[in-house]
C-alpha atoms as a PDB file:
ATOM      1  CA  MET A   1     133.786  29.066 115.875  1.00  0.00           C
ATOM      2  CA  LEU A   2     136.286  27.184 117.610  1.00  0.00           C
ATOM      3  CA  PRO A   3     135.769  25.994 121.323  1.00  0.00           C
ATOM      4  CA  GLY A   4     138.032  27.383 123.300  1.00  0.00           C
ATOM      5  CA  ALA A   5     139.441  30.090 121.091  1.00  0.00           C
ATOM      6  CA  VAL A   6     138.996  33.562 120.439  1.00  0.00           C
ATOM      7  CA  ILE A   7     139.169  33.886 116.147  1.00  0.00           C
ATOM      8  CA  GLY A   8     138.327  37.379 116.125  1.00  0.00           C
ATOM      9  CA  TRP A   9     136.374  40.442 116.451  1.00  0.00           C
ATOM     10  CA  ASP A  10     132.758  41.525 115.036  1.00  0.00           C
ATOM     11  CA  MET A  11     134.454  44.328 112.733  1.00  0.00           C
ATOM     12  CA  GLY A  12     131.295  45.451 112.504  1.00  0.00           C
ATOM     13  CA  ALA A  13     130.713  46.270 115.935  1.00  0.00           C
ATOM     14  CA  ALA A  14     134.000  47.800 116.235  1.00  0.00           C
ATOM     15  CA  LEU A  15     133.813  50.206 113.720  1.00  0.00           C
ATOM     16  CA  SER A  16     130.332  51.272 115.142  1.00  0.00           C
ATOM     17  CA  MET A  17     132.223  51.667 118.533  1.00  0.00           C
ATOM     18  CA  ALA A  18     135.132  53.611 117.024  1.00  0.00           C
ATOM     19  CA  GLN A  19     132.384  56.072 115.234  1.00  0.00           C
ATOM     20  CA  ALA A  20     130.752  56.518 118.463  1.00  0.00           C
ATOM     21  CA  LEU A  21     133.829  57.281 120.278  1.00  0.00           C
ATOM     22  CA  GLY A  22     134.747  60.065 117.588  1.00  0.00           C
ATOM     23  CA  VAL A  23     137.181  57.919 115.761  1.00  0.00           C
ATOM     24  CA  PRO A  24     137.886  58.619 111.885  1.00  0.00           C
ATOM     25  CA  ALA A  25     136.657  55.617 109.893  1.00  0.00           C
ATOM     26  CA  ILE A  26     139.940  55.447 107.817  1.00  0.00           C
ATOM     27  CA  ALA A  27     141.770  55.390 110.708  1.00  0.00           C
ATOM     28  CA  ALA A  28     140.040  52.916 112.613  1.00  0.00           C
ATOM     29  CA  ALA A  29     139.867  50.513 109.295  1.00  0.00           C
ATOM     30  CA  GLU A  30     143.507  50.932 109.269  1.00  0.00           C
ATOM     31  CA  LEU A  31     144.065  50.247 113.066  1.00  0.00           C
ATOM     32  CA  LEU A  32     141.094  47.470 113.863  1.00  0.00           C
ATOM     33  CA  PRO A  33     142.546  44.294 112.139  1.00  0.00           C
ATOM     34  CA  VAL A  34     146.256  45.426 113.647  1.00  0.00           C
ATOM     35  CA  LEU A  35     145.047  45.716 116.773  1.00  0.00           C
ATOM     36  CA  GLU A  36     142.622  42.649 116.508  1.00  0.00           C
ATOM     37  CA  ALA A  37     145.576  40.339 115.436  1.00  0.00           C
ATOM     38  CA  VAL A  38     148.054  40.854 118.322  1.00  0.00           C
ATOM     39  CA  MET A  39     144.747  41.032 120.803  1.00  0.00           C
ATOM     40  CA  VAL A  40     143.521  37.458 119.534  1.00  0.00           C
ATOM     41  CA  ALA A  41     146.926  35.956 119.597  1.00  0.00           C
ATOM     42  CA  LYS A  42     147.379  37.137 123.225  1.00  0.00           C
ATOM     43  CA  ILE A  43     144.109  35.743 124.584  1.00  0.00           C
ATOM     44  CA  ASN A  44     144.682  32.501 122.544  1.00  0.00           C
ATOM     45  CA  GLU A  45     147.667  32.187 124.437  1.00  0.00           C
ATOM     46  CA  GLN A  46     147.254  33.218 128.021  1.00  0.00           C
ATOM     47  CA  MET A  47     144.142  30.483 127.710  1.00  0.00           C
ATOM     48  CA  GLU A  48     146.606  27.987 126.128  1.00  0.00           C
ATOM     49  CA  THR A  49     149.113  29.131 129.209  1.00  0.00           C
ATOM     50  CA  SER A  50     146.616  29.031 131.686  1.00  0.00           C
ATOM     51  CA  GLY A  51     145.143  25.198 130.335  1.00  0.00           C
ATOM     52  CA  THR A  52     141.721  26.174 131.361  1.00  0.00           C
ATOM     53  CA  GLY A  53     140.285  27.264 127.969  1.00  0.00           C
ATOM     54  CA  SER A  54     138.622  30.134 129.379  1.00  0.00           C
ATOM     55  CA  PHE A  55     139.418  33.743 130.235  1.00  0.00           C
ATOM     56  CA  SER A  56     141.252  34.159 133.279  1.00  0.00           C
ATOM     57  CA  SER A  57     142.932  36.935 135.342  1.00  0.00           C
END
């Protein structure tokens, strides 16, 4: 864990949510890492830009 930074998703939870939504497991396994990388980069960028070290709207 890094204070004030997002480092990733709980992939087990993400895969379970995908399954609950009817997303094929192979599609989720292929797409979730790519989506995670973009999400982490954007959230950390937003936190850095805001200077708060936390989520902002």
